[in-house]
Amino acid sequence: MQRLRNTFDHLWAALMFFTRLPWWRLHEPKREAFSHVVEYWPLVGWLTGGLTMLVYATFLTQMPQALNLVAVIIIGVRLLLTGALHEDGLADFADGMGGGCTREHTLSIMKDSHIGTYGVLALIVYFLFLYSTLPHLSPLVLVTADVWGKSVASLLILQLPYARTEAEAKNRTVYAHYSWLGQLMRILVAMSPVALLWWYVGDVPNVWLFIVPVVVELALALWMKRSLSGYTGDCCGATFLLCEASMFLTYLLIQ
């Protein structure tokens, strides 16, 4: 029973951490639960990806002649759901990796609350990419890329150590290490509803949609290991967005 309560607390903490919906009004998990949020990140994709897919499909049906406007609405919905948490990570990651000369300098730049040139450019390119690709994506791809991107990005915790100490961490939390088997099971559970959606539609997604994000994650993990000897929370957010973007691009290339 205690294990079930811990699992519930960890999942609830992940929902609170990765979204801006008022989950705290219903339940307040223990502080320790927030060190396990990345483990349950793929499951949060059910919510963020599912809501985004529903909004996208609705506006796509009602406003088929204004696809660019629909893309702007979807971007806005994503930002409202997550509070731009991942985009903030992408900007800090770009600033640090682009402007840092040493490991310590890179980590210092990432922790700085001010955005720099590399961060601004990264966000401009990222949002232009979203604006250009979203009108051409299937609604199913949105939820699939959200869940799979978070699943792949969550593996960083298993591949690399945390690059800072708990006192140096932005949110004063170091993510707990967990087992490969446990995380693979969580990913399987997270992807099951997505697989059912594809089966319901009567389509089979191309296998490259899932392979390319893994290659992107591995490349980023190697870069982080070489530059930082580990990962940070910003690295996790940037990895998710880049893995998701690679899935969008792959979908368009194989159409």
Protein backbone atom coordinates (compact mmCIF):
# COMPACT_ATOMS: atom_id res chain seq x y z
CA MET A 1 0.00 0.00 0.00
CA GLN A 2 2.85 2.40 0.85
CA ARG A 3 4.45 1.70 -2.53
CA LEU A 4 1.18 2.57 -4.26
CA ARG A 5 0.95 5.81 -2.26
CA ASN A 6 4.52 6.70 -3.25
CA THR A 7 3.75 6.05 -6.91
CA PHE A 8 0.67 8.27 -6.68
CA ASP A 9 2.69 11.03 -5.01
CA HIS A 10 5.45 10.82 -7.63
CA LEU A 11 2.96 11.02 -10.50
CA TRP A 12 1.12 13.91 -8.83
CA ALA A 13 4.39 15.76 -8.30
CA ALA A 14 5.20 15.28 -12.00
CA LEU A 15 1.82 16.74 -13.00
CA MET A 16 2.43 19.73 -10.72
CA PHE A 17 6.01 20.24 -11.93
CA PHE A 18 5.52 19.82 -15.68
CA THR A 19 2.16 21.60 -16.06
CA ARG A 20 0.63 24.82 -14.76
CA LEU A 21 -2.76 23.34 -13.94
CA PRO A 22 -3.77 23.77 -10.25
CA TRP A 23 -3.11 20.18 -9.13
CA TRP A 24 -1.86 21.47 -5.77
CA ARG A 25 -5.41 22.43 -4.85
CA LEU A 26 -6.39 18.76 -4.78
CA HIS A 27 -3.31 17.15 -3.24
CA GLU A 28 0.10 18.26 -1.96
CA PRO A 29 2.72 15.50 -2.33
CA LYS A 30 5.77 15.24 -0.08
CA ARG A 31 8.83 17.26 -1.05
CA GLU A 32 10.74 14.03 -1.68
CA ALA A 33 8.30 13.14 -4.47
CA PHE A 34 9.66 15.92 -6.69
CA SER A 35 12.99 14.11 -7.03
CA HIS A 36 11.10 11.44 -9.01
CA VAL A 37 9.21 13.69 -11.45
CA VAL A 38 11.30 12.80 -14.52
CA GLU A 39 10.44 9.13 -14.07
CA TYR A 40 6.77 9.99 -14.64
CA TRP A 41 7.39 12.59 -17.32
CA PRO A 42 6.21 10.26 -20.14
CA LEU A 43 2.88 9.79 -18.35
CA VAL A 44 2.41 13.57 -18.20
CA GLY A 45 2.50 13.39 -22.00
CA TRP A 46 -0.95 11.79 -21.83
CA LEU A 47 -2.26 15.07 -20.52
CA THR A 48 -0.22 17.68 -22.42
CA GLY A 49 -0.18 15.77 -25.70
CA GLY A 50 -3.79 14.64 -25.41
CA LEU A 51 -5.16 18.12 -24.70
CA THR A 52 -3.05 19.62 -27.48
CA MET A 53 -4.30 16.98 -29.90
CA LEU A 54 -7.95 17.63 -28.99
CA VAL A 55 -7.59 21.40 -29.37
CA TYR A 56 -5.74 20.97 -32.65
CA ALA A 57 -8.30 18.54 -34.08
CA THR A 58 -11.17 20.84 -33.03
CA PHE A 59 -9.74 23.98 -34.61
CA LEU A 60 -8.56 22.03 -37.65
CA THR A 61 -12.18 20.99 -38.27
CA GLN A 62 -13.66 24.44 -37.60
CA MET A 63 -10.98 26.56 -39.32
CA PRO A 64 -9.43 24.49 -42.14
CA GLN A 65 -8.85 27.67 -44.14
CA ALA A 66 -6.72 29.30 -41.43
CA LEU A 67 -4.06 26.71 -40.67
CA ASN A 68 -1.41 29.25 -39.72
CA LEU A 69 -3.76 30.74 -37.13
CA VAL A 70 -4.43 27.24 -35.81
CA ALA A 71 -0.66 26.77 -35.45
CA VAL A 72 -0.42 29.95 -33.36
CA ILE A 73 -3.32 28.78 -31.16
CA ILE A 74 -1.65 25.40 -30.60
CA ILE A 75 1.64 27.04 -29.66
CA GLY A 76 -0.26 29.23 -27.19
CA VAL A 77 -2.05 26.23 -25.68
CA ARG A 78 1.26 24.39 -25.20
CA LEU A 79 2.81 27.40 -23.48
CA LEU A 80 -0.19 27.81 -21.18
CA LEU A 81 -0.18 24.14 -20.24
CA THR A 82 3.51 24.00 -19.33
CA GLY A 83 4.28 27.61 -18.41
CA ALA A 84 7.01 27.58 -21.09
CA LEU A 85 9.05 25.32 -18.79
CA HIS A 86 10.70 23.39 -21.62
CA GLU A 87 11.23 26.48 -23.77
CA ASP A 88 13.02 28.12 -20.85
CA GLY A 89 15.25 25.04 -20.69
CA LEU A 90 15.98 25.25 -24.41
CA ALA A 91 16.97 28.91 -24.15
CA ASP A 92 19.25 28.30 -21.14
CA PHE A 93 20.75 25.23 -22.80
CA ALA A 94 21.52 27.18 -25.99
CA ASP A 95 23.04 30.05 -24.03
CA GLY A 96 25.21 27.74 -21.96
CA MET A 97 26.39 25.40 -24.67
CA GLY A 98 26.82 28.23 -27.14
CA GLY A 99 28.60 30.71 -24.90
CA GLY A 100 30.36 28.57 -22.30
CA CYS A 101 34.13 28.14 -22.55
CA THR A 102 34.53 25.68 -19.69
CA ARG A 103 32.25 23.31 -17.80
CA GLU A 104 31.91 25.73 -14.89
CA HIS A 105 31.29 28.68 -17.21
CA THR A 106 28.63 26.75 -19.13
CA LEU A 107 26.79 25.74 -15.96
CA SER A 108 27.00 29.31 -14.65
CA ILE A 109 25.43 30.68 -17.86
CA MET A 110 22.63 28.09 -17.73
CA LYS A 111 21.77 29.08 -14.18
CA ASP A 112 21.67 32.81 -15.03
CA SER A 113 18.05 33.99 -15.22
CA HIS A 114 18.89 36.44 -18.03
CA ILE A 115 18.53 35.24 -21.62
CA GLY A 116 21.39 35.72 -24.07
CA THR A 117 21.82 35.87 -27.83
CA TYR A 118 22.02 32.11 -28.31
CA GLY A 119 18.88 31.59 -26.25
CA VAL A 120 16.92 34.20 -28.22
CA LEU A 121 18.04 32.72 -31.53
CA ALA A 122 17.18 29.18 -30.39
CA LEU A 123 13.63 30.22 -29.43
CA ILE A 124 13.12 32.16 -32.67
CA VAL A 125 14.22 29.18 -34.78
CA TYR A 126 12.19 26.76 -32.66
CA PHE A 127 8.94 28.74 -32.86
CA LEU A 128 9.39 29.38 -36.58
CA PHE A 129 9.84 25.63 -36.98
CA LEU A 130 6.64 24.93 -35.04
CA TYR A 131 4.71 27.60 -36.93
CA SER A 132 5.81 26.08 -40.25
CA THR A 133 5.28 22.40 -39.41
CA LEU A 134 2.17 22.27 -37.20
CA PRO A 135 -0.33 22.98 -40.04
CA HIS A 136 0.96 19.91 -41.90
CA LEU A 137 0.89 17.40 -39.05
CA SER A 138 -1.72 14.83 -38.20
CA PRO A 139 -3.31 15.38 -34.75
CA LEU A 140 -2.11 11.89 -33.81
CA VAL A 141 1.49 12.94 -34.41
CA LEU A 142 1.15 15.71 -31.81
CA VAL A 143 0.28 13.36 -28.96
CA THR A 144 2.70 10.67 -30.16
CA ALA A 145 5.62 13.10 -30.35
CA ASP A 146 4.77 14.57 -26.95
CA VAL A 147 4.71 11.22 -25.16
CA TRP A 148 7.63 9.68 -27.06
CA GLY A 149 9.76 12.82 -26.82
CA LYS A 150 9.32 12.88 -23.04
CA SER A 151 9.96 9.14 -22.86
CA VAL A 152 13.25 9.44 -24.72
CA ALA A 153 14.36 12.57 -22.84
CA SER A 154 13.69 10.87 -19.50
CA LEU A 155 16.49 8.40 -20.28
CA LEU A 156 19.07 11.13 -19.67
CA ILE A 157 18.79 10.40 -15.94
CA LEU A 158 19.92 6.83 -16.57
CA GLN A 159 22.77 7.77 -18.89
CA LEU A 160 24.40 10.69 -17.07
CA PRO A 161 24.94 11.96 -13.51
CA TYR A 162 23.51 15.28 -12.39
CA ALA A 163 26.02 18.01 -13.25
CA ARG A 164 25.38 20.10 -10.12
CA THR A 165 25.00 19.54 -6.41
CA GLU A 166 21.58 19.77 -4.75
CA ALA A 167 22.48 23.20 -3.33
CA GLU A 168 23.37 24.46 -6.82
CA ALA A 169 20.24 23.10 -8.52
CA LYS A 170 17.70 25.69 -9.69
CA ASN A 171 14.80 24.05 -7.87
CA ARG A 172 17.00 22.65 -5.06
CA THR A 173 16.15 19.12 -6.20
CA VAL A 174 18.39 16.42 -7.64
CA TYR A 175 16.45 13.81 -9.60
CA ALA A 176 16.64 10.35 -8.06
CA HIS A 177 18.28 7.57 -10.01
CA TYR A 178 15.97 4.75 -11.09
CA SER A 179 16.23 1.44 -12.90
CA TRP A 180 16.20 0.90 -16.66
CA LEU A 181 13.55 -1.80 -16.31
CA GLY A 182 11.26 0.43 -14.26
CA GLN A 183 11.57 3.30 -16.72
CA LEU A 184 11.01 1.07 -19.74
CA MET A 185 7.83 -0.17 -18.07
CA ARG A 186 6.66 3.43 -17.51
CA ILE A 187 7.39 4.25 -21.15
CA LEU A 188 5.42 1.19 -22.25
CA VAL A 189 2.47 2.26 -20.10
CA ALA A 190 2.72 5.82 -21.44
CA MET A 191 2.80 4.70 -25.08
CA SER A 192 -0.09 2.20 -24.76
CA PRO A 193 -2.91 4.78 -25.17
CA VAL A 194 -1.04 6.29 -28.14
CA ALA A 195 -0.77 2.86 -29.76
CA LEU A 196 -4.50 2.32 -29.21
CA LEU A 197 -5.25 5.65 -30.92
CA TRP A 198 -3.25 4.65 -34.00
CA TRP A 199 -4.98 1.26 -34.03
CA TYR A 200 -8.39 2.93 -33.74
CA VAL A 201 -7.62 5.17 -36.71
CA GLY A 202 -6.50 2.11 -38.65
CA ASP A 203 -2.98 3.28 -39.37
CA VAL A 204 0.53 2.12 -38.44
CA PRO A 205 3.12 4.83 -37.74
CA ASN A 206 6.43 4.62 -39.59
CA VAL A 207 9.18 3.12 -37.42
CA TRP A 208 11.53 6.02 -38.26
CA LEU A 209 9.28 8.30 -36.23
CA PHE A 210 10.57 6.53 -33.13
CA ILE A 211 14.16 5.84 -34.19
CA VAL A 212 15.19 9.39 -35.12
CA PRO A 213 14.37 10.95 -31.68
CA VAL A 214 16.47 8.23 -30.01
CA VAL A 215 19.43 9.12 -32.25
CA VAL A 216 18.95 12.81 -31.40
CA GLU A 217 18.85 12.02 -27.67
CA LEU A 218 22.00 9.91 -27.84
CA ALA A 219 23.84 12.66 -29.72
CA LEU A 220 22.77 15.26 -27.15
CA ALA A 221 23.73 12.95 -24.26
CA LEU A 222 27.23 12.53 -25.73
CA TRP A 223 27.53 16.31 -26.13
CA MET A 224 26.45 16.87 -22.53
CA LYS A 225 28.87 14.22 -21.26
CA ARG A 226 31.74 15.88 -23.10
CA SER A 227 30.84 19.46 -22.16
CA LEU A 228 29.22 19.10 -18.72
CA SER A 229 30.10 15.59 -17.51
CA GLY A 230 26.40 15.27 -16.77
CA TYR A 231 22.96 16.80 -17.29
CA THR A 232 20.84 19.58 -15.79
CA GLY A 233 17.10 20.29 -15.74
CA ASP A 234 17.61 22.65 -18.68
CA CYS A 235 19.24 19.82 -20.59
CA CYS A 236 16.15 17.65 -20.01
CA GLY A 237 13.78 20.34 -21.30
CA ALA A 238 15.91 21.07 -24.36
CA THR A 239 16.27 17.36 -25.14
CA PHE A 240 12.51 16.85 -25.06
CA LEU A 241 11.82 19.74 -27.44
CA LEU A 242 14.54 18.68 -29.86
CA CYS A 243 13.43 15.03 -29.83
CA GLU A 244 9.83 16.10 -30.42
CA ALA A 245 10.89 18.45 -33.23
CA SER A 246 12.88 15.65 -34.87
CA MET A 247 9.74 13.51 -34.84
CA PHE A 248 7.74 16.29 -36.52
CA LEU A 249 10.42 16.69 -39.19
CA THR A 250 10.66 12.94 -39.76
CA TYR A 251 6.88 12.72 -40.23
CA LEU A 252 6.96 15.41 -42.90
CA LEU A 253 9.93 13.83 -44.69
CA ILE A 254 8.30 10.39 -44.97
CA GLN A 255 4.91 11.66 -46.15
